[in-house]
């Protein structure tokens, strides 16, 4: 399993603590330093069952600069959103866990982290 984190984020640090407490085997990806490609984002979104606007941090200054609030949220605009997230990874909601079983989770709560591990 891999977890995408920003070490400055308290939710990410909490997720790492849960993974460690559960003795999980995982790798860390500092996604701001090693941003996902548009193709990787599309694959993770498919695994999450979400659209790019669902994992966008709309409160970030760059979101306002890009005018994301006015972008359409429809299938024709999906690739535009994905490319914006790839170009500006700070816009990506975190942490995201991609599990070895093909699932993925936006793991913002300890319960979500445990669910990604298949534990209650």
C-alpha atoms as a PDB file:
ATOM      1  CA  UNK A   1       0.000   0.000   0.000  1.00  0.00           C
ATOM      2  CA  UNK A   2       1.056   3.554  -0.646  1.00  0.00           C
ATOM      3  CA  UNK A   3      -0.028   6.720   1.115  1.00  0.00           C
ATOM      4  CA  UNK A   4       0.189  10.135  -0.484  1.00  0.00           C
ATOM      5  CA  UNK A   5       0.975  12.719   2.166  1.00  0.00           C
ATOM      6  CA  UNK A   6       2.051  16.251   2.908  1.00  0.00           C
ATOM      7  CA  UNK A   7       4.163  15.982   6.078  1.00  0.00           C
ATOM      8  CA  UNK A   8       2.907  19.413   7.186  1.00  0.00           C
ATOM      9  CA  UNK A   9      -0.694  18.122   7.277  1.00  0.00           C
ATOM     10  CA  UNK A  10      -2.082  16.950  10.625  1.00  0.00           C
ATOM     11  CA  UNK A  11      -4.505  14.510   8.915  1.00  0.00           C
ATOM     12  CA  UNK A  12      -1.554  12.915   7.124  1.00  0.00           C
ATOM     13  CA  UNK A  13       0.468  12.609  10.314  1.00  0.00           C
ATOM     14  CA  UNK A  14      -2.563  11.077  12.033  1.00  0.00           C
ATOM     15  CA  UNK A  15      -2.997   8.566   9.197  1.00  0.00           C
ATOM     16  CA  UNK A  16       0.665   7.557   9.480  1.00  0.00           C
ATOM     17  CA  UNK A  17       0.228   7.068  13.234  1.00  0.00           C
ATOM     18  CA  UNK A  18      -2.734   4.743  12.640  1.00  0.00           C
ATOM     19  CA  UNK A  19      -0.810   2.778  10.002  1.00  0.00           C
ATOM     20  CA  UNK A  20       2.141   2.421  12.381  1.00  0.00           C
ATOM     21  CA  UNK A  21      -0.106   1.414  15.296  1.00  0.00           C
ATOM     22  CA  UNK A  22      -1.663  -1.259  13.064  1.00  0.00           C
ATOM     23  CA  UNK A  23       1.791  -2.469  11.943  1.00  0.00           C
ATOM     24  CA  UNK A  24       0.807  -1.852   8.329  1.00  0.00           C
ATOM     25  CA  UNK A  25       3.271  -2.361   5.505  1.00  0.00           C
ATOM     26  CA  UNK A  26       3.236   0.841   3.455  1.00  0.00           C
ATOM     27  CA  UNK A  27       5.326   3.275   1.466  1.00  0.00           C
ATOM     28  CA  UNK A  28       5.079   7.038   1.708  1.00  0.00           C
ATOM     29  CA  UNK A  29       4.812   9.320  -1.285  1.00  0.00           C
ATOM     30  CA  UNK A  30       5.379  13.002  -0.638  1.00  0.00           C
ATOM     31  CA  UNK A  31       3.079  13.990  -3.458  1.00  0.00           C
ATOM     32  CA  UNK A  32       4.060  17.671  -3.432  1.00  0.00           C
ATOM     33  CA  UNK A  33       7.673  16.679  -4.134  1.00  0.00           C
ATOM     34  CA  UNK A  34       6.783  13.754  -6.404  1.00  0.00           C
ATOM     35  CA  UNK A  35       3.494  14.807  -7.997  1.00  0.00           C
ATOM     36  CA  UNK A  36       1.302  12.192  -9.629  1.00  0.00           C
ATOM     37  CA  UNK A  37       0.924  12.359 -13.376  1.00  0.00           C
ATOM     38  CA  UNK A  38      -2.439  12.997 -14.978  1.00  0.00           C
ATOM     39  CA  UNK A  39      -2.554   9.290 -15.830  1.00  0.00           C
ATOM     40  CA  UNK A  40      -1.856   8.286 -12.221  1.00  0.00           C
ATOM     41  CA  UNK A  41      -4.539  10.665 -10.986  1.00  0.00           C
ATOM     42  CA  UNK A  42      -7.085   9.282 -13.438  1.00  0.00           C
ATOM     43  CA  UNK A  43      -6.299   5.738 -12.251  1.00  0.00           C
ATOM     44  CA  UNK A  44      -6.553   6.710  -8.558  1.00  0.00           C
ATOM     45  CA  UNK A  45      -9.832   8.529  -9.184  1.00  0.00           C
ATOM     46  CA  UNK A  46     -11.197   5.383 -10.831  1.00  0.00           C
ATOM     47  CA  UNK A  47     -10.079   3.367  -7.798  1.00  0.00           C
ATOM     48  CA  UNK A  48     -11.678   5.919  -5.467  1.00  0.00           C
ATOM     49  CA  UNK A  49     -14.884   6.034  -7.496  1.00  0.00           C
ATOM     50  CA  UNK A  50     -14.666   9.826  -7.404  1.00  0.00           C
ATOM     51  CA  UNK A  51     -14.331  12.718  -9.810  1.00  0.00           C
ATOM     52  CA  UNK A  52     -11.387  15.143  -9.713  1.00  0.00           C
ATOM     53  CA  UNK A  53     -13.514  17.944  -8.275  1.00  0.00           C
ATOM     54  CA  UNK A  54     -14.395  15.596  -5.388  1.00  0.00           C
ATOM     55  CA  UNK A  55     -10.757  15.530  -4.249  1.00  0.00           C
ATOM     56  CA  UNK A  56      -9.913  19.155  -4.990  1.00  0.00           C
ATOM     57  CA  UNK A  57      -8.911  21.456  -2.163  1.00  0.00           C
ATOM     58  CA  UNK A  58     -10.984  24.397  -3.354  1.00  0.00           C
ATOM     59  CA  UNK A  59      -9.784  26.665  -0.542  1.00  0.00           C
ATOM     60  CA  UNK A  60      -6.199  26.772  -1.769  1.00  0.00           C
ATOM     61  CA  UNK A  61      -5.064  30.130  -3.224  1.00  0.00           C
ATOM     62  CA  UNK A  62      -4.170  28.487  -6.542  1.00  0.00           C
ATOM     63  CA  UNK A  63      -7.770  27.260  -6.847  1.00  0.00           C
ATOM     64  CA  UNK A  64      -8.926  30.871  -6.781  1.00  0.00           C
ATOM     65  CA  UNK A  65      -6.181  31.889  -9.208  1.00  0.00           C
ATOM     66  CA  UNK A  66      -7.338  29.217 -11.650  1.00  0.00           C
ATOM     67  CA  UNK A  67     -11.000  30.107 -11.140  1.00  0.00           C
ATOM     68  CA  UNK A  68     -11.889  26.486 -10.284  1.00  0.00           C
ATOM     69  CA  UNK A  69     -15.172  27.522  -8.682  1.00  0.00           C
ATOM     70  CA  UNK A  70     -16.450  28.422 -12.132  1.00  0.00           C
ATOM     71  CA  UNK A  71     -15.233  25.306 -13.938  1.00  0.00           C
ATOM     72  CA  UNK A  72     -17.910  22.882 -15.130  1.00  0.00           C
ATOM     73  CA  UNK A  73     -18.142  19.596 -13.274  1.00  0.00           C
ATOM     74  CA  UNK A  74     -19.069  17.286 -16.092  1.00  0.00           C
ATOM     75  CA  UNK A  75     -17.518  14.432 -18.088  1.00  0.00           C
ATOM     76  CA  UNK A  76     -16.215  16.794 -20.793  1.00  0.00           C
ATOM     77  CA  UNK A  77     -14.319  18.833 -18.174  1.00  0.00           C
ATOM     78  CA  UNK A  78     -12.910  15.855 -16.255  1.00  0.00           C
ATOM     79  CA  UNK A  79      -9.531  15.835 -18.038  1.00  0.00           C
ATOM     80  CA  UNK A  80      -9.106  19.589 -17.518  1.00  0.00           C
ATOM     81  CA  UNK A  81      -9.573  19.075 -13.765  1.00  0.00           C
ATOM     82  CA  UNK A  82      -7.153  16.134 -13.717  1.00  0.00           C
ATOM     83  CA  UNK A  83      -4.490  18.139 -15.529  1.00  0.00           C
ATOM     84  CA  UNK A  84      -4.933  21.032 -13.081  1.00  0.00           C
ATOM     85  CA  UNK A  85      -4.436  18.660 -10.133  1.00  0.00           C
ATOM     86  CA  UNK A  86      -1.347  17.159 -11.759  1.00  0.00           C
ATOM     87  CA  UNK A  87       0.098  20.606 -12.441  1.00  0.00           C
ATOM     88  CA  UNK A  88      -0.824  21.932  -8.979  1.00  0.00           C
ATOM     89  CA  UNK A  89      -0.644  18.965  -6.577  1.00  0.00           C
ATOM     90  CA  UNK A  90      -1.360  21.217  -3.586  1.00  0.00           C
ATOM     91  CA  UNK A  91      -4.961  21.038  -4.817  1.00  0.00           C
ATOM     92  CA  UNK A  92      -5.175  17.288  -4.147  1.00  0.00           C
ATOM     93  CA  UNK A  93      -7.065  16.241  -1.006  1.00  0.00           C
ATOM     94  CA  UNK A  94      -4.892  14.264   1.376  1.00  0.00           C
ATOM     95  CA  UNK A  95      -3.978  11.723   2.542  1.00  0.00           C
ATOM     96  CA  UNK A  96      -4.842   9.187  -0.127  1.00  0.00           C
ATOM     97  CA  UNK A  97      -4.147   5.500   0.447  1.00  0.00           C
ATOM     98  CA  UNK A  98      -3.870   3.141  -2.499  1.00  0.00           C
ATOM     99  CA  UNK A  99      -4.142  -0.426  -1.275  1.00  0.00           C
ATOM    100  CA  UNK A 100      -2.627  -3.510  -2.841  1.00  0.00           C
ATOM    101  CA  UNK A 101      -6.111  -4.950  -3.436  1.00  0.00           C
ATOM    102  CA  UNK A 102      -6.844  -2.207  -5.992  1.00  0.00           C
ATOM    103  CA  UNK A 103      -8.919   0.009  -3.717  1.00  0.00           C
ATOM    104  CA  UNK A 104      -8.131   3.562  -2.703  1.00  0.00           C
ATOM    105  CA  UNK A 105      -9.351   5.792   0.110  1.00  0.00           C
ATOM    106  CA  UNK A 106      -9.205   9.456   0.988  1.00  0.00           C
ATOM    107  CA  UNK A 107      -8.077   8.699   4.530  1.00  0.00           C
ATOM    108  CA  UNK A 108      -8.876  11.854   6.473  1.00  0.00           C
ATOM    109  CA  UNK A 109     -10.105  10.008   9.572  1.00  0.00           C
ATOM    110  CA  UNK A 110      -8.654   7.142  11.619  1.00  0.00           C
ATOM    111  CA  UNK A 111     -11.749   5.108  10.670  1.00  0.00           C
ATOM    112  CA  UNK A 112     -11.026   5.604   6.971  1.00  0.00           C
ATOM    113  CA  UNK A 113      -7.417   4.495   7.474  1.00  0.00           C
ATOM    114  CA  UNK A 114      -8.545   1.359   9.306  1.00  0.00           C
ATOM    115  CA  UNK A 115     -11.117   0.661   6.579  1.00  0.00           C
ATOM    116  CA  UNK A 116      -8.318   0.876   3.994  1.00  0.00           C
ATOM    117  CA  UNK A 117      -6.548  -1.802   6.022  1.00  0.00           C
ATOM    118  CA  UNK A 118      -9.687  -3.906   6.110  1.00  0.00           C
ATOM    119  CA  UNK A 119      -9.998  -3.413   9.867  1.00  0.00           C
ATOM    120  CA  UNK A 120     -12.896  -1.925  11.855  1.00  0.00           C
END
